[in-house]
Structure formats: structure tokens, C-alpha cells
Amino acid sequence: MDDEPLARRTLCALLERERDVELLGECADGLSATEAVRSRRPDLLFLDVQMPELDGFGVLEAVRDVGVPAVVFVTAFGEHAVRAFDEEATDYLVKPFDDDRFGRALERARARVEAARRESPEQGPPRWLERFAVECAGRISIIPVDSVQWIEAQDYYVQIHTGGKEHLLRESLRNLETRLDPRRFARVHRSAIVNVGCVKQLRRRSHGEYALLLEDGTELKLSRTHRDQLQLLLGMR
């Protein structure tokens, strides 16, 4: 991620020489970088400090819950190195750098990625999403998952409902569902997920249909396909 096209081309050329590296993409600003990281979930991120819209440290904060194993800062400004390592950066490259210095940074990144794989969720509980990073009017808002009441599909996006406010996130409902704690969030029909803690009532409708009422008064259809699982989470079975 770098706002300078030449810097991006140089970095991509160096990475394309590495057989074990798959290049997932490049970005010119912090907002698109954040979106790319959240959708593609890379093992290694090369990040400039100064970028339009959102700087490198802002990107790092916005995607912290994604858990990128290795982050290498690539910048013309040496004065941010201490902060970068405080943020657990793998390495800090100051432009211009030679092939040897880049190679050492890449080796450190490989070691960090390998260590993260050894400490994979197979040895502990899954890391579920804890916050959303949502872009609005050129800014990124951080929304705690606990504040979400329900989520609905909107074409290629999802609409997140939090206490009377709505936030649009570019991600499919199906993909988002895999990143939410299934003990706290449940699909209620093909286009909606609810925070189980926000469910106030289940209402029986005609012909065996049900609806659920949330604490804020929102009423949602509950499909038969998902009814048993929701009742189980609510302690009704």
C-alpha cells in the first residue's frame, strides 16, 4: 500500500521474483487498503506511513481484528520507526533500500507468518470479529460488534444496524457470517443476521410462521430453516 505508483511497481517487481509469494493486490490510499485487507485477508502487508485518506497507522488500527501476521512499513520517513515497532511491525524499510535489505525484511516476514501458523486457532478458540471498520464521508468509523443489533444484505454490501444508526460495509452476508461468533449472532433468514442478545420476543404467525421482535422495536421474519438454531441459542430448546 503506497500512494506513489513507482514505489508500488518497484515493490511488486521484487515480490514477483519470490516463488512462495502470491501478490493479492496493491492500493494507493488508506481507505482502499483497509477494504482490501478486510476482504482478502493477507499474511503479509507492506504499508507506507503517509497515504491519502488514512495513514498507515490508521490502516493498521482499522484492520487489527483481521490479524495480519506480518506488517512491513515501507516509507521515506525514518522518524516513525519506533512507533511502528511499538505496533509490532515486523520490519521498517526506509526508501531507498537495496535488494539485500529487502530480502532481510522478507525473511523476517516469512518467519513471523510461519510462527503465526504454528499458533493457529487449532490450538485455541477461534478469533471472532470484535469490531467493524466502516467508511463514511471519507472517514473510517470503528464499530464494536457488541453494539450491532442486526445486519441485512444489500446487494454486494451489508447494512449494519446499531441503535438507530445504519452503516454500509462492502462484504457479503455469507462471508461476514463466517467471521461472527455463532454463539452471539444467528442467521434468521437468507438476508438477515441478528445479535441474539437483542432479541426480545418470538411471535407466532399464521401457517407456522414466526417473527422476532428486537429490543428497539424492529420486527424481522424468522424462517423455518433457521428457527431451531435461534431457539437453541435463546435457551428455548
Protein backbone atom coordinates (compact mmCIF):
# COMPACT_ATOMS: atom_id res chain seq x y z
CA MET A 1 0.00 0.00 0.00
CA ASP A 2 1.66 3.19 -1.23
CA ASP A 3 0.37 6.38 -2.84
CA GLU A 4 3.36 6.53 -5.24
CA PRO A 5 2.86 4.40 -8.40
CA LEU A 6 6.62 3.94 -8.94
CA ALA A 7 7.08 2.70 -5.37
CA ARG A 8 4.25 0.20 -5.83
CA ARG A 9 5.68 -1.06 -9.13
CA THR A 10 9.13 -1.50 -7.59
CA LEU A 11 7.77 -3.42 -4.62
CA CYS A 12 5.55 -5.61 -6.82
CA ALA A 13 8.51 -6.43 -9.07
CA LEU A 14 10.56 -7.53 -6.06
CA LEU A 15 7.75 -9.70 -4.72
CA GLU A 16 7.00 -11.32 -8.08
CA ARG A 17 10.51 -12.82 -8.05
CA GLU A 18 9.64 -14.83 -4.93
CA ARG A 19 8.15 -18.25 -5.71
CA ASP A 20 6.39 -18.59 -2.37
CA VAL A 21 4.72 -15.16 -2.55
CA GLU A 22 1.30 -14.61 -4.12
CA LEU A 23 0.54 -10.94 -4.75
CA LEU A 24 -3.09 -10.29 -3.76
CA GLY A 25 -3.27 -6.62 -4.73
CA GLU A 26 -1.99 -3.08 -4.40
CA CYS A 27 -3.64 0.12 -3.16
CA ALA A 28 -2.91 3.84 -3.41
CA ASP A 29 -4.75 5.14 -0.34
CA GLY A 30 -5.62 4.12 3.18
CA LEU A 31 -9.34 3.56 2.70
CA SER A 32 -8.95 1.17 -0.24
CA ALA A 33 -6.11 -0.52 1.65
CA THR A 34 -8.39 -1.15 4.61
CA GLU A 35 -11.10 -2.59 2.39
CA ALA A 36 -8.60 -4.81 0.56
CA VAL A 37 -7.12 -6.22 3.77
CA ARG A 38 -10.53 -7.00 5.22
CA SER A 39 -11.72 -8.75 2.06
CA ARG A 40 -8.50 -10.58 1.05
CA ARG A 41 -7.01 -11.28 4.50
CA PRO A 42 -3.29 -11.38 3.55
CA ASP A 43 -0.48 -12.99 5.54
CA LEU A 44 1.88 -10.10 4.81
CA LEU A 45 1.21 -6.39 4.38
CA PHE A 46 3.65 -3.80 3.03
CA LEU A 47 2.45 -0.42 4.26
CA ASP A 48 3.52 3.19 3.70
CA VAL A 49 3.17 5.66 6.57
CA GLN A 50 1.86 8.72 4.74
CA MET A 51 -1.08 7.96 2.43
CA PRO A 52 -4.22 9.85 1.36
CA GLU A 53 -7.48 9.38 3.29
CA LEU A 54 -5.93 7.31 6.11
CA ASP A 55 -2.27 6.92 7.07
CA GLY A 56 -0.50 3.62 7.59
CA PHE A 57 -1.03 3.56 11.34
CA GLY A 58 -4.73 4.28 10.81
CA VAL A 59 -4.96 1.34 8.43
CA LEU A 60 -3.21 -0.87 10.97
CA GLU A 61 -5.74 0.10 13.66
CA ALA A 62 -8.71 -0.38 11.32
CA VAL A 63 -7.69 -3.94 10.41
CA ARG A 64 -6.30 -5.02 13.78
CA ASP A 65 -9.08 -7.56 14.30
CA VAL A 66 -8.26 -9.23 10.96
CA GLY A 67 -4.99 -10.45 12.44
CA VAL A 68 -2.46 -9.87 9.62
CA PRO A 69 0.55 -11.93 10.82
CA ALA A 70 3.31 -9.73 9.32
CA VAL A 71 3.41 -5.98 8.58
CA VAL A 72 6.41 -4.29 6.98
CA PHE A 73 6.42 -0.49 6.78
CA VAL A 74 7.99 0.93 3.61
CA THR A 75 8.46 4.70 3.82
CA ALA A 76 10.73 7.65 3.12
CA PHE A 77 10.39 8.82 6.73
CA GLY A 78 12.68 7.21 9.28
CA GLU A 79 11.24 9.04 12.29
CA HIS A 80 8.22 6.73 12.62
CA ALA A 81 10.24 3.55 13.20
CA VAL A 82 9.86 3.49 16.99
CA ARG A 83 6.09 3.78 16.75
CA ALA A 84 5.99 1.12 14.04
CA PHE A 85 7.81 -1.39 16.22
CA ASP A 86 5.61 -0.43 19.17
CA GLU A 87 2.72 -1.50 16.92
CA GLU A 88 4.52 -4.84 16.47
CA ALA A 89 5.64 -4.22 12.88
CA THR A 90 7.85 -6.99 11.51
CA ASP A 91 10.29 -4.57 9.89
CA TYR A 92 10.69 -0.95 8.81
CA LEU A 93 12.22 -0.19 5.39
CA VAL A 94 13.38 3.35 4.65
CA LYS A 95 13.44 4.31 0.95
CA PRO A 96 15.63 3.90 -0.95
CA PHE A 97 16.66 0.38 0.05
CA ASP A 98 18.66 -2.26 -1.82
CA ASP A 99 17.76 -5.86 -2.68
CA ASP A 100 19.72 -7.23 0.26
CA ARG A 101 17.84 -5.10 2.78
CA PHE A 102 14.52 -6.03 1.20
CA GLY A 103 15.50 -9.70 1.33
CA ARG A 104 16.19 -9.49 5.06
CA ALA A 105 12.81 -7.86 5.66
CA LEU A 106 11.08 -10.58 3.66
CA GLU A 107 12.85 -13.31 5.63
CA ARG A 108 11.68 -11.75 8.88
CA ALA A 109 8.16 -11.62 7.49
CA ARG A 110 8.31 -15.28 6.47
CA ALA A 111 9.39 -16.20 10.00
CA ARG A 112 6.55 -14.17 11.50
CA VAL A 113 3.97 -15.78 9.20
CA GLU A 114 5.28 -19.26 9.97
CA ALA A 115 5.13 -18.57 13.71
CA ALA A 116 1.54 -17.37 13.37
CA ARG A 117 0.62 -20.57 11.54
CA ARG A 118 2.13 -22.68 14.30
CA GLU A 119 0.00 -20.76 16.78
CA SER A 120 -3.12 -21.18 14.63
CA PRO A 121 -6.66 -21.38 16.10
CA GLU A 122 -6.31 -25.18 16.07
CA GLN A 123 -4.53 -24.74 19.40
CA GLY A 124 -7.12 -22.42 20.91
CA PRO A 125 -10.56 -20.86 20.46
CA PRO A 126 -11.39 -19.13 17.14
CA ARG A 127 -10.79 -15.40 16.90
CA TRP A 128 -14.19 -13.95 16.06
CA LEU A 129 -14.71 -10.45 14.74
CA GLU A 130 -14.63 -7.85 17.53
CA ARG A 131 -15.18 -4.63 15.58
CA PHE A 132 -16.15 -3.31 12.15
CA ALA A 133 -14.25 -0.63 10.22
CA VAL A 134 -16.84 1.28 8.17
CA GLU A 135 -16.06 4.05 5.68
CA CYS A 136 -18.37 7.08 5.63
CA ALA A 137 -17.74 10.53 4.11
CA GLY A 138 -14.01 9.91 3.78
CA ARG A 139 -13.59 8.67 7.33
CA ILE A 140 -13.43 5.22 8.87
CA SER A 141 -15.59 4.57 11.93
CA ILE A 142 -14.76 1.71 14.29
CA ILE A 143 -17.93 -0.05 15.45
CA PRO A 144 -17.76 -2.62 18.28
CA VAL A 145 -19.54 -5.85 17.41
CA ASP A 146 -21.39 -5.68 20.75
CA SER A 147 -23.21 -2.54 19.58
CA VAL A 148 -24.66 -4.26 16.49
CA GLN A 149 -28.35 -5.19 16.70
CA TRP A 150 -28.85 -6.78 13.32
CA ILE A 151 -27.30 -6.97 9.85
CA GLU A 152 -29.06 -7.17 6.50
CA ALA A 153 -27.87 -7.95 2.98
CA GLN A 154 -27.84 -5.07 0.48
CA ASP A 155 -26.67 -6.41 -2.90
CA TYR A 156 -22.86 -6.63 -2.62
CA TYR A 157 -22.91 -4.88 0.76
CA VAL A 158 -24.31 -5.41 4.23
CA GLN A 159 -26.17 -2.80 6.26
CA ILE A 160 -25.22 -2.81 9.93
CA HIS A 161 -27.86 -1.53 12.36
CA THR A 162 -26.65 -0.06 15.66
CA GLY A 163 -29.03 1.80 17.95
CA GLY A 164 -30.93 3.76 15.31
CA LYS A 165 -27.89 4.23 13.04
CA GLU A 166 -27.08 2.39 9.83
CA HIS A 167 -23.63 1.67 8.39
CA LEU A 168 -22.83 0.21 4.96
CA LEU A 169 -19.98 -2.29 4.65
CA ARG A 170 -18.71 -3.82 1.40
CA GLU A 171 -18.86 -7.52 2.26
CA SER A 172 -21.29 -10.31 1.52
CA LEU A 173 -23.58 -11.50 4.29
CA ARG A 174 -22.39 -15.07 3.77
CA ASN A 175 -18.73 -14.15 4.23
CA LEU A 176 -19.46 -11.93 7.23
CA GLU A 177 -21.42 -14.71 8.91
CA THR A 178 -18.31 -16.91 8.98
CA ARG A 179 -16.43 -14.23 10.96
CA LEU A 180 -19.09 -13.66 13.63
CA ASP A 181 -19.29 -15.64 16.88
CA PRO A 182 -22.13 -18.16 16.27
CA ARG A 183 -22.98 -18.09 19.98
CA ARG A 184 -23.87 -14.40 19.71
CA PHE A 185 -25.08 -13.94 16.14
CA ALA A 186 -27.58 -16.04 14.21
CA ARG A 187 -28.95 -16.04 10.68
CA VAL A 188 -32.75 -15.62 10.83
CA HIS A 189 -33.44 -15.71 7.10
CA ARG A 190 -31.44 -15.54 3.88
CA SER A 191 -30.86 -11.78 4.10
CA ALA A 192 -30.54 -11.04 7.83
CA ILE A 193 -28.39 -11.86 10.87
CA VAL A 194 -29.35 -10.80 14.41
CA ASN A 195 -27.48 -10.24 17.64
CA VAL A 196 -29.10 -12.88 19.83
CA GLY A 197 -28.77 -10.63 22.87
CA CYS A 198 -31.05 -8.06 21.21
CA VAL A 199 -33.97 -10.45 20.65
CA LYS A 200 -36.91 -9.51 22.88
CA GLN A 201 -39.71 -11.78 21.68
CA LEU A 202 -40.59 -14.55 19.24
CA ARG A 203 -44.06 -14.16 17.78
CA ARG A 204 -46.03 -16.97 16.19
CA ARG A 205 -47.73 -16.07 12.92
CA SER A 206 -50.22 -17.97 10.82
CA HIS A 207 -49.31 -21.19 8.98
CA GLY A 208 -46.48 -21.98 11.37
CA GLU A 209 -44.53 -18.83 10.55
CA TYR A 210 -42.63 -16.84 13.19
CA ALA A 211 -41.34 -13.30 13.54
CA LEU A 212 -38.91 -11.94 16.09
CA LEU A 213 -39.03 -8.60 17.85
CA LEU A 214 -35.81 -6.80 18.76
CA GLU A 215 -35.33 -4.53 21.75
CA ASP A 216 -35.54 -1.41 19.56
CA GLY A 217 -38.92 -2.47 18.14
CA THR A 218 -37.63 -3.85 14.84
CA GLU A 219 -39.60 -6.87 13.66
CA LEU A 220 -37.92 -9.44 11.41
CA LYS A 221 -39.15 -12.56 9.70
CA LEU A 222 -37.80 -15.82 11.11
CA SER A 223 -37.59 -18.57 8.51
CA ARG A 224 -38.30 -22.18 9.39
CA THR A 225 -34.81 -23.13 8.24
CA HIS A 226 -33.16 -21.04 10.96
CA ARG A 227 -35.81 -21.23 13.70
CA ASP A 228 -34.44 -24.24 15.58
CA GLN A 229 -30.92 -22.81 15.84
CA LEU A 230 -32.20 -19.45 17.11
CA GLN A 231 -34.42 -21.12 19.70
CA LEU A 232 -31.43 -23.15 20.86
CA LEU A 233 -29.33 -20.00 21.30
CA LEU A 234 -32.19 -18.35 23.19
CA GLY A 235 -32.42 -21.31 25.59
CA MET A 236 -35.85 -22.35 24.33
CA ARG A 237 -34.91 -25.93 23.42
